[in-house]
Amino acid sequence: MPQPALSLARLSEALGLPEQSLLALVANCDAAADPTRVALTVEEAARRLGVGRTTMYGLVSSGEVSSVMIGRLRRIPAQALSDYIADRAGATVALVA
């Protein structure tokens, strides 16, 4: 026999969370990136860097962040984000010194 659907109010009460907090958690559940992925979509890479999608596309098209084509899909190696940050950190340190 199927279980009746659990309402948001009952679920939030059972978890001890306000309904709004529970909704925010559910809305952001796809934002939790899989740390084992070696190639990211442009949107995933933008989220990891904390920039917008348009900015990320600009970084890719300018060559500041490397990317690869896999079939018809553009992917950004996760290591490319680390390299970009390291390059930027080096440039910042060089300007300060």
PDB file of N, CA and C in Angstrom:
ATOM      1  N   MET A   1       0.849  -1.176   0.000  1.00  0.00           N
ATOM      2  CA  MET A   1       0.000   0.000   0.000  1.00  0.00           C
ATOM      3  C   MET A   1       0.894   1.239   0.000  1.00  0.00           C
ATOM      4  N   PRO A   2       0.685   2.193  -0.930  1.00  0.00           N
ATOM      5  CA  PRO A   2       1.537   3.380  -1.014  1.00  0.00           C
ATOM      6  C   PRO A   2       1.346   4.294   0.189  1.00  0.00           C
ATOM      7  N   GLN A   3       2.439   4.932   0.568  1.00  0.00           N
ATOM      8  CA  GLN A   3       2.421   5.887   1.667  1.00  0.00           C
ATOM      9  C   GLN A   3       1.821   7.215   1.186  1.00  0.00           C
ATOM     10  N   PRO A   4       1.076   7.895   2.054  1.00  0.00           N
ATOM     11  CA  PRO A   4       0.570   9.202   1.645  1.00  0.00           C
ATOM     12  C   PRO A   4       1.730  10.199   1.528  1.00  0.00           C
ATOM     13  N   ALA A   5       1.554  11.193   0.651  1.00  0.00           N
ATOM     14  CA  ALA A   5       2.590  12.206   0.455  1.00  0.00           C
ATOM     15  C   ALA A   5       2.810  12.994   1.744  1.00  0.00           C
ATOM     16  N   LEU A   6       4.044  13.300   2.022  1.00  0.00           N
ATOM     17  CA  LEU A   6       4.403  14.066   3.209  1.00  0.00           C
ATOM     18  C   LEU A   6       4.373  15.542   2.839  1.00  0.00           C
ATOM     19  N   SER A   7       3.606  16.321   3.568  1.00  0.00           N
ATOM     20  CA  SER A   7       3.514  17.741   3.255  1.00  0.00           C
ATOM     21  C   SER A   7       4.795  18.461   3.659  1.00  0.00           C
ATOM     22  N   LEU A   8       5.016  19.605   3.048  1.00  0.00           N
ATOM     23  CA  LEU A   8       6.191  20.411   3.356  1.00  0.00           C
ATOM     24  C   LEU A   8       6.192  20.822   4.821  1.00  0.00           C
ATOM     25  N   ALA A   9       5.022  21.170   5.338  1.00  0.00           N
ATOM     26  CA  ALA A   9       4.920  21.590   6.733  1.00  0.00           C
ATOM     27  C   ALA A   9       5.322  20.452   7.678  1.00  0.00           C
ATOM     28  N   ARG A  10       4.840  19.244   7.403  1.00  0.00           N
ATOM     29  CA  ARG A  10       5.174  18.106   8.265  1.00  0.00           C
ATOM     30  C   ARG A  10       6.641  17.736   8.150  1.00  0.00           C
ATOM     31  N   LEU A  11       7.176  17.812   6.947  1.00  0.00           N
ATOM     32  CA  LEU A  11       8.583  17.493   6.740  1.00  0.00           C
ATOM     33  C   LEU A  11       9.480  18.511   7.439  1.00  0.00           C
ATOM     34  N   SER A  12       9.165  19.783   7.304  1.00  0.00           N
ATOM     35  CA  SER A  12       9.983  20.811   7.964  1.00  0.00           C
ATOM     36  C   SER A  12       9.893  20.683   9.485  1.00  0.00           C
ATOM     37  N   GLU A  13       8.708  20.319   9.976  1.00  0.00           N
ATOM     38  CA  GLU A  13       8.540  20.107  11.414  1.00  0.00           C
ATOM     39  C   GLU A  13       9.364  18.909  11.884  1.00  0.00           C
ATOM     40  N   ALA A  14       9.337  17.843  11.105  1.00  0.00           N
ATOM     41  CA  ALA A  14      10.084  16.639  11.473  1.00  0.00           C
ATOM     42  C   ALA A  14      11.587  16.884  11.461  1.00  0.00           C
ATOM     43  N   LEU A  15      12.056  17.733  10.549  1.00  0.00           N
ATOM     44  CA  LEU A  15      13.478  18.024  10.457  1.00  0.00           C
ATOM     45  C   LEU A  15      13.914  19.154  11.382  1.00  0.00           C
ATOM     46  N   GLY A  16      12.936  19.869  11.922  1.00  0.00           N
ATOM     47  CA  GLY A  16      13.262  20.987  12.796  1.00  0.00           C
ATOM     48  C   GLY A  16      13.777  22.195  12.047  1.00  0.00           C
ATOM     49  N   LEU A  17      13.347  22.348  10.801  1.00  0.00           N
ATOM     50  CA  LEU A  17      13.755  23.472   9.965  1.00  0.00           C
ATOM     51  C   LEU A  17      12.543  24.302   9.581  1.00  0.00           C
ATOM     52  N   PRO A  18      12.714  25.610   9.453  1.00  0.00           N
ATOM     53  CA  PRO A  18      11.615  26.411   8.920  1.00  0.00           C
ATOM     54  C   PRO A  18      11.354  26.031   7.460  1.00  0.00           C
ATOM     55  N   GLU A  19      10.134  26.191   7.028  1.00  0.00           N
ATOM     56  CA  GLU A  19       9.768  25.815   5.653  1.00  0.00           C
ATOM     57  C   GLU A  19      10.629  26.536   4.628  1.00  0.00           C
ATOM     58  N   GLN A  20      10.901  27.811   4.843  1.00  0.00           N
ATOM     59  CA  GLN A  20      11.700  28.576   3.886  1.00  0.00           C
ATOM     60  C   GLN A  20      13.121  28.013   3.775  1.00  0.00           C
ATOM     61  N   SER A  21      13.695  27.600   4.888  1.00  0.00           N
ATOM     62  CA  SER A  21      15.037  27.014   4.857  1.00  0.00           C
ATOM     63  C   SER A  21      15.032  25.694   4.095  1.00  0.00           C
ATOM     64  N   LEU A  22      14.007  24.910   4.294  1.00  0.00           N
ATOM     65  CA  LEU A  22      13.887  23.638   3.590  1.00  0.00           C
ATOM     66  C   LEU A  22      13.732  23.874   2.090  1.00  0.00           C
ATOM     67  N   LEU A  23      12.926  24.847   1.718  1.00  0.00           N
ATOM     68  CA  LEU A  23      12.755  25.176   0.305  1.00  0.00           C
ATOM     69  C   LEU A  23      14.066  25.646  -0.310  1.00  0.00           C
ATOM     70  N   ALA A  24      14.835  26.445   0.435  1.00  0.00           N
ATOM     71  CA  ALA A  24      16.124  26.924  -0.067  1.00  0.00           C
ATOM     72  C   ALA A  24      17.090  25.761  -0.271  1.00  0.00           C
ATOM     73  N   LEU A  25      17.077  24.803   0.643  1.00  0.00           N
ATOM     74  CA  LEU A  25      17.939  23.637   0.499  1.00  0.00           C
ATOM     75  C   LEU A  25      17.580  22.828  -0.737  1.00  0.00           C
ATOM     76  N   VAL A  26      16.295  22.646  -0.962  1.00  0.00           N
ATOM     77  CA  VAL A  26      15.836  21.875  -2.115  1.00  0.00           C
ATOM     78  C   VAL A  26      16.172  22.614  -3.399  1.00  0.00           C
ATOM     79  N   ALA A  27      16.021  23.931  -3.409  1.00  0.00           N
ATOM     80  CA  ALA A  27      16.299  24.718  -4.613  1.00  0.00           C
ATOM     81  C   ALA A  27      17.769  24.663  -4.981  1.00  0.00           C
ATOM     82  N   ASN A  28      18.653  24.537  -3.987  1.00  0.00           N
ATOM     83  CA  ASN A  28      20.087  24.540  -4.253  1.00  0.00           C
ATOM     84  C   ASN A  28      20.694  23.148  -4.315  1.00  0.00           C
ATOM     85  N   CYS A  29      19.879  22.119  -4.312  1.00  0.00           N
ATOM     86  CA  CYS A  29      20.439  20.768  -4.259  1.00  0.00           C
ATOM     87  C   CYS A  29      21.234  20.441  -5.509  1.00  0.00           C
ATOM     88  N   ASP A  30      20.903  21.014  -6.667  1.00  0.00           N
ATOM     89  CA  ASP A  30      21.684  20.731  -7.864  1.00  0.00           C
ATOM     90  C   ASP A  30      22.970  21.540  -7.884  1.00  0.00           C
ATOM     91  N   ALA A  31      23.101  22.522  -6.989  1.00  0.00           N
ATOM     92  CA  ALA A  31      24.313  23.326  -6.927  1.00  0.00           C
ATOM     93  C   ALA A  31      25.455  22.566  -6.270  1.00  0.00           C
ATOM     94  N   ALA A  32      25.140  21.494  -5.564  1.00  0.00           N
ATOM     95  CA  ALA A  32      26.189  20.706  -4.931  1.00  0.00           C
ATOM     96  C   ALA A  32      26.919  19.931  -6.016  1.00  0.00           C
ATOM     97  N   ALA A  33      28.128  20.376  -6.336  1.00  0.00           N
ATOM     98  CA  ALA A  33      28.884  19.778  -7.426  1.00  0.00           C
ATOM     99  C   ALA A  33      29.518  18.464  -6.996  1.00  0.00           C
ATOM    100  N   ASP A  34      29.664  17.590  -7.956  1.00  0.00           N
ATOM    101  CA  ASP A  34      30.338  16.323  -7.731  1.00  0.00           C
ATOM    102  C   ASP A  34      31.837  16.587  -7.793  1.00  0.00           C
ATOM    103  N   PRO A  35      32.543  16.468  -6.681  1.00  0.00           N
ATOM    104  CA  PRO A  35      33.972  16.798  -6.676  1.00  0.00           C
ATOM    105  C   PRO A  35      34.830  15.844  -7.487  1.00  0.00           C
ATOM    106  N   THR A  36      34.268  14.718  -7.933  1.00  0.00           N
ATOM    107  CA  THR A  36      35.054  13.768  -8.704  1.00  0.00           C
ATOM    108  C   THR A  36      35.022  14.062 -10.199  1.00  0.00           C
ATOM    109  N   ARG A  37      34.175  14.978 -10.637  1.00  0.00           N
ATOM    110  CA  ARG A  37      34.098  15.286 -12.073  1.00  0.00           C
ATOM    111  C   ARG A  37      35.339  16.038 -12.509  1.00  0.00           C
ATOM    112  N   VAL A  38      35.912  15.618 -13.618  1.00  0.00           N
ATOM    113  CA  VAL A  38      37.122  16.270 -14.119  1.00  0.00           C
ATOM    114  C   VAL A  38      36.824  17.276 -15.216  1.00  0.00           C
ATOM    115  N   ALA A  39      35.632  17.212 -15.793  1.00  0.00           N
ATOM    116  CA  ALA A  39      35.239  18.156 -16.837  1.00  0.00           C
ATOM    117  C   ALA A  39      33.867  18.730 -16.467  1.00  0.00           C
ATOM    118  N   LEU A  40      33.776  20.049 -16.495  1.00  0.00           N
ATOM    119  CA  LEU A  40      32.571  20.747 -16.050  1.00  0.00           C
ATOM    120  C   LEU A  40      31.907  21.475 -17.201  1.00  0.00           C
ATOM    121  N   THR A  41      30.605  21.666 -17.086  1.00  0.00           N
ATOM    122  CA  THR A  41      29.924  22.538 -18.032  1.00  0.00           C
ATOM    123  C   THR A  41      30.338  23.973 -17.716  1.00  0.00           C
ATOM    124  N   VAL A  42      30.056  24.881 -18.632  1.00  0.00           N
ATOM    125  CA  VAL A  42      30.379  26.287 -18.405  1.00  0.00           C
ATOM    126  C   VAL A  42      29.633  26.803 -17.178  1.00  0.00           C
ATOM    127  N   GLU A  43      28.393  26.394 -17.017  1.00  0.00           N
ATOM    128  CA  GLU A  43      27.603  26.835 -15.865  1.00  0.00           C
ATOM    129  C   GLU A  43      28.189  26.316 -14.552  1.00  0.00           C
ATOM    130  N   GLU A  44      28.611  25.048 -14.542  1.00  0.00           N
ATOM    131  CA  GLU A  44      29.218  24.486 -13.335  1.00  0.00           C
ATOM    132  C   GLU A  44      30.532  25.187 -13.001  1.00  0.00           C
ATOM    133  N   ALA A  45      31.314  25.462 -14.032  1.00  0.00           N
ATOM    134  CA  ALA A  45      32.588  26.159 -13.815  1.00  0.00           C
ATOM    135  C   ALA A  45      32.343  27.566 -13.284  1.00  0.00           C
ATOM    136  N   ALA A  46      31.354  28.238 -13.824  1.00  0.00           N
ATOM    137  CA  ALA A  46      31.015  29.591 -13.361  1.00  0.00           C
ATOM    138  C   ALA A  46      30.606  29.558 -11.900  1.00  0.00           C
ATOM    139  N   ARG A  47      29.808  28.574 -11.535  1.00  0.00           N
ATOM    140  CA  ARG A  47      29.362  28.442 -10.149  1.00  0.00           C
ATOM    141  C   ARG A  47      30.551  28.208  -9.221  1.00  0.00           C
ATOM    142  N   ARG A  48      31.494  27.364  -9.641  1.00  0.00           N
ATOM    143  CA  ARG A  48      32.666  27.094  -8.810  1.00  0.00           C
ATOM    144  C   ARG A  48      33.530  28.335  -8.628  1.00  0.00           C
ATOM    145  N   LEU A  49      33.629  29.159  -9.683  1.00  0.00           N
ATOM    146  CA  LEU A  49      34.426  30.384  -9.576  1.00  0.00           C
ATOM    147  C   LEU A  49      33.656  31.509  -8.894  1.00  0.00           C
ATOM    148  N   GLY A  50      32.348  31.371  -8.859  1.00  0.00           N
ATOM    149  CA  GLY A  50      31.533  32.419  -8.259  1.00  0.00           C
ATOM    150  C   GLY A  50      31.325  33.595  -9.192  1.00  0.00           C
ATOM    151  N   VAL A  51      31.298  33.315 -10.492  1.00  0.00           N
ATOM    152  CA  VAL A  51      31.050  34.348 -11.490  1.00  0.00           C
ATOM    153  C   VAL A  51      29.813  33.977 -12.291  1.00  0.00           C
ATOM    154  N   GLY A  52      29.353  34.901 -13.087  1.00  0.00           N
ATOM    155  CA  GLY A  52      28.181  34.645 -13.917  1.00  0.00           C
ATOM    156  C   GLY A  52      28.526  33.830 -15.150  1.00  0.00           C
ATOM    157  N   ARG A  53      27.493  33.312 -15.768  1.00  0.00           N
ATOM    158  CA  ARG A  53      27.668  32.486 -16.961  1.00  0.00           C
ATOM    159  C   ARG A  53      28.305  33.271 -18.099  1.00  0.00           C
ATOM    160  N   THR A  54      27.876  34.516 -18.292  1.00  0.00           N
ATOM    161  CA  THR A  54      28.417  35.346 -19.365  1.00  0.00           C
ATOM    162  C   THR A  54      29.900  35.614 -19.137  1.00  0.00           C
ATOM    163  N   THR A  55      30.272  35.899 -17.894  1.00  0.00           N
ATOM    164  CA  THR A  55      31.687  36.115 -17.565  1.00  0.00           C
ATOM    165  C   THR A  55      32.494  34.865 -17.849  1.00  0.00           C
ATOM    166  N   MET A  56      31.945  33.703 -17.500  1.00  0.00           N
ATOM    167  CA  MET A  56      32.663  32.445 -17.725  1.00  0.00           C
ATOM    168  C   MET A  56      32.851  32.211 -19.216  1.00  0.00           C
ATOM    169  N   TYR A  57      31.813  32.455 -20.017  1.00  0.00           N
ATOM    170  CA  TYR A  57      31.949  32.310 -21.466  1.00  0.00           C
ATOM    171  C   TYR A  57      33.011  33.266 -21.994  1.00  0.00           C
ATOM    172  N   GLY A  58      33.097  34.465 -21.430  1.00  0.00           N
ATOM    173  CA  GLY A  58      34.126  35.421 -21.835  1.00  0.00           C
ATOM    174  C   GLY A  58      35.524  34.918 -21.507  1.00  0.00           C
ATOM    175  N   LEU A  59      35.685  34.335 -20.327  1.00  0.00           N
ATOM    176  CA  LEU A  59      36.982  33.784 -19.939  1.00  0.00           C
ATOM    177  C   LEU A  59      37.396  32.636 -20.851  1.00  0.00           C
ATOM    178  N   VAL A  60      36.424  31.824 -21.248  1.00  0.00           N
ATOM    179  CA  VAL A  60      36.715  30.696 -22.135  1.00  0.00           C
ATOM    180  C   VAL A  60      37.049  31.201 -23.536  1.00  0.00           C
ATOM    181  N   SER A  61      36.250  32.132 -24.053  1.00  0.00           N
ATOM    182  CA  SER A  61      36.486  32.599 -25.427  1.00  0.00           C
ATOM    183  C   SER A  61      37.776  33.401 -25.546  1.00  0.00           C
ATOM    184  N   SER A  62      38.203  34.064 -24.464  1.00  0.00           N
ATOM    185  CA  SER A  62      39.458  34.813 -24.501  1.00  0.00           C
ATOM    186  C   SER A  62      40.675  33.912 -24.308  1.00  0.00           C
ATOM    187  N   GLY A  63      40.438  32.680 -23.881  1.00  0.00           N
ATOM    188  CA  GLY A  63      41.533  31.753 -23.660  1.00  0.00           C
ATOM    189  C   GLY A  63      42.119  31.818 -22.255  1.00  0.00           C
ATOM    190  N   GLU A  64      41.570  32.677 -21.402  1.00  0.00           N
ATOM    191  CA  GLU A  64      42.075  32.765 -20.027  1.00  0.00           C
ATOM    192  C   GLU A  64      41.807  31.471 -19.259  1.00  0.00           C
ATOM    193  N   VAL A  65      40.692  30.823 -19.570  1.00  0.00           N
ATOM    194  CA  VAL A  65      40.363  29.517 -18.996  1.00  0.00           C
ATOM    195  C   VAL A  65      40.278  28.545 -20.159  1.00  0.00           C
ATOM    196  N   SER A  66      41.068  27.481 -20.102  1.00  0.00           N
ATOM    197  CA  SER A  66      41.065  26.527 -21.213  1.00  0.00           C
ATOM    198  C   SER A  66      39.821  25.649 -21.170  1.00  0.00           C
ATOM    199  N   SER A  67      39.443  25.177 -22.337  1.00  0.00           N
ATOM    200  CA  SER A  67      38.282  24.291 -22.448  1.00  0.00           C
ATOM    201  C   SER A  67      38.547  23.288 -23.556  1.00  0.00           C
ATOM    202  N   VAL A  68      37.755  22.249 -23.579  1.00  0.00           N
ATOM    203  CA  VAL A  68      37.872  21.209 -24.602  1.00  0.00           C
ATOM    204  C   VAL A  68      36.489  20.933 -25.170  1.00  0.00           C
ATOM    205  N   MET A  69      36.477  20.450 -26.386  1.00  0.00           N
ATOM    206  CA  MET A  69      35.229  20.008 -26.992  1.00  0.00           C
ATOM    207  C   MET A  69      35.164  18.492 -26.871  1.00  0.00           C
ATOM    208  N   ILE A  70      34.072  17.998 -26.355  1.00  0.00           N
ATOM    209  CA  ILE A  70      33.814  16.566 -26.282  1.00  0.00           C
ATOM    210  C   ILE A  70      32.566  16.356 -27.122  1.00  0.00           C
ATOM    211  N   GLY A  71      32.774  15.870 -28.330  1.00  0.00           N
ATOM    212  CA  GLY A  71      31.665  15.820 -29.284  1.00  0.00           C
ATOM    213  C   GLY A  71      31.267  17.246 -29.619  1.00  0.00           C
ATOM    214  N   ARG A  72      30.013  17.584 -29.380  1.00  0.00           N
ATOM    215  CA  ARG A  72      29.548  18.953 -29.611  1.00  0.00           C
ATOM    216  C   ARG A  72      29.473  19.756 -28.327  1.00  0.00           C
ATOM    217  N   LEU A  73      29.926  19.186 -27.236  1.00  0.00           N
ATOM    218  CA  LEU A  73      29.805  19.830 -25.938  1.00  0.00           C
ATOM    219  C   LEU A  73      31.111  20.482 -25.510  1.00  0.00           C
ATOM    220  N   ARG A  74      31.033  21.703 -25.022  1.00  0.00           N
ATOM    221  CA  ARG A  74      32.210  22.382 -24.482  1.00  0.00           C
ATOM    222  C   ARG A  74      32.304  22.054 -22.997  1.00  0.00           C
ATOM    223  N   ARG A  75      33.479  21.596 -22.591  1.00  0.00           N
ATOM    224  CA  ARG A  75      33.714  21.264 -21.194  1.00  0.00           C
ATOM    225  C   ARG A  75      34.984  21.958 -20.723  1.00  0.00           C
ATOM    226  N   ILE A  76      34.977  22.313 -19.448  1.00  0.00           N
ATOM    227  CA  ILE A  76      36.121  22.980 -18.845  1.00  0.00           C
ATOM    228  C   ILE A  76      36.746  22.015 -17.847  1.00  0.00           C
ATOM    229  N   PRO A  77      38.013  21.659 -18.062  1.00  0.00           N
ATOM    230  CA  PRO A  77      38.667  20.777 -17.090  1.00  0.00           C
ATOM    231  C   PRO A  77      38.696  21.448 -15.716  1.00  0.00           C
ATOM    232  N   ALA A  78      38.410  20.700 -14.672  1.00  0.00           N
ATOM    233  CA  ALA A  78      38.413  21.255 -13.325  1.00  0.00           C
ATOM    234  C   ALA A  78      39.773  21.845 -12.994  1.00  0.00           C
ATOM    235  N   GLN A  79      40.833  21.227 -13.499  1.00  0.00           N
ATOM    236  CA  GLN A  79      42.184  21.727 -13.262  1.00  0.00           C
ATOM    237  C   GLN A  79      42.385  23.111 -13.888  1.00  0.00           C
ATOM    238  N   ALA A  80      41.665  23.396 -14.980  1.00  0.00           N
ATOM    239  CA  ALA A  80      41.795  24.702 -15.637  1.00  0.00           C
ATOM    240  C   ALA A  80      41.349  25.831 -14.710  1.00  0.00           C
ATOM    241  N   LEU A  81      40.373  25.561 -13.844  1.00  0.00           N
ATOM    242  CA  LEU A  81      39.930  26.579 -12.889  1.00  0.00           C
ATOM    243  C   LEU A  81      41.010  26.834 -11.847  1.00  0.00           C
ATOM    244  N   SER A  82      41.639  25.770 -11.369  1.00  0.00           N
ATOM    245  CA  SER A  82      42.734  25.927 -10.411  1.00  0.00           C
ATOM    246  C   SER A  82      43.898  26.680 -11.047  1.00  0.00           C
ATOM    247  N   ASP A  83      44.205  26.360 -12.307  1.00  0.00           N
ATOM    248  CA  ASP A  83      45.286  27.050 -13.010  1.00  0.00           C
ATOM    249  C   ASP A  83      44.968  28.530 -13.187  1.00  0.00           C
ATOM    250  N   TYR A  84      43.728  28.828 -13.521  1.00  0.00           N
ATOM    251  CA  TYR A  84      43.312  30.222 -13.700  1.00  0.00           C
ATOM    252  C   TYR A  84      43.467  31.004 -12.396  1.00  0.00           C
ATOM    253  N   ILE A  85      43.015  30.423 -11.298  1.00  0.00           N
ATOM    254  CA  ILE A  85      43.124  31.094  -9.997  1.00  0.00           C
ATOM    255  C   ILE A  85      44.593  31.279  -9.630  1.00  0.00           C
ATOM    256  N   ALA A  86      45.415  30.265  -9.865  1.00  0.00           N
ATOM    257  CA  ALA A  86      46.842  30.365  -9.551  1.00  0.00           C
ATOM    258  C   ALA A  86      47.500  31.463 -10.385  1.00  0.00           C
ATOM    259  N   ASP A  87      47.138  31.547 -11.670  1.00  0.00           N
ATOM    260  CA  ASP A  87      47.684  32.600 -12.530  1.00  0.00           C
ATOM    261  C   ASP A  87      47.260  33.976 -12.033  1.00  0.00           C
ATOM    262  N   ARG A  88      45.977  34.100 -11.665  1.00  0.00           N
ATOM    263  CA  ARG A  88      45.479  35.384 -11.164  1.00  0.00           C
ATOM    264  C   ARG A  88      46.139  35.752  -9.845  1.00  0.00           C
ATOM    265  N   ALA A  89      46.331  34.787  -8.971  1.00  0.00           N
ATOM    266  CA  ALA A  89      46.981  35.045  -7.684  1.00  0.00           C
ATOM    267  C   ALA A  89      48.421  35.474  -7.912  1.00  0.00           C
ATOM    268  N   GLY A  90      49.098  34.856  -8.870  1.00  0.00           N
ATOM    269  CA  GLY A  90      50.478  35.236  -9.202  1.00  0.00           C
ATOM    270  C   GLY A  90      50.544  36.638  -9.753  1.00  0.00           C
ATOM    271  N   ALA A  91      49.568  37.013 -10.590  1.00  0.00           N
ATOM    272  CA  ALA A  91      49.532  38.357 -11.156  1.00  0.00           C
ATOM    273  C   ALA A  91      49.276  39.385 -10.065  1.00  0.00           C
ATOM    274  N   THR A  92      48.407  39.055  -9.118  1.00  0.00           N
ATOM    275  CA  THR A  92      48.104  39.976  -8.026  1.00  0.00           C
ATOM    276  C   THR A  92      49.325  40.170  -7.145  1.00  0.00           C
ATOM    277  N   VAL A  93      50.017  39.075  -6.828  1.00  0.00           N
ATOM    278  CA  VAL A  93      51.204  39.162  -5.983  1.00  0.00           C
ATOM    279  C   VAL A  93      52.285  39.971  -6.696  1.00  0.00           C
ATOM    280  N   ALA A  94      52.425  39.784  -8.018  1.00  0.00           N
ATOM    281  CA  ALA A  94      53.440  40.507  -8.768  1.00  0.00           C
ATOM    282  C   ALA A  94      53.134  42.009  -8.757  1.00  0.00           C
ATOM    283  N   LEU A  95      51.860  42.376  -8.804  1.00  0.00           N
ATOM    284  CA  LEU A  95      51.496  43.792  -8.780  1.00  0.00           C
ATOM    285  C   LEU A  95      51.760  44.411  -7.419  1.00  0.00           C
ATOM    286  N   VAL A  96      51.581  43.642  -6.362  1.00  0.00           N
ATOM    287  CA  VAL A  96      51.759  44.154  -5.003  1.00  0.00           C
ATOM    288  C   VAL A  96      53.247  44.303  -4.690  1.00  0.00           C
ATOM    289  N   ALA A  97      54.067  43.404  -5.180  1.00  0.00           N
ATOM    290  CA  ALA A  97      55.497  43.404  -4.848  1.00  0.00           C
ATOM    291  C   ALA A  97      56.232  44.574  -5.441  1.00  0.00           C
TER     292      ALA A  97
END
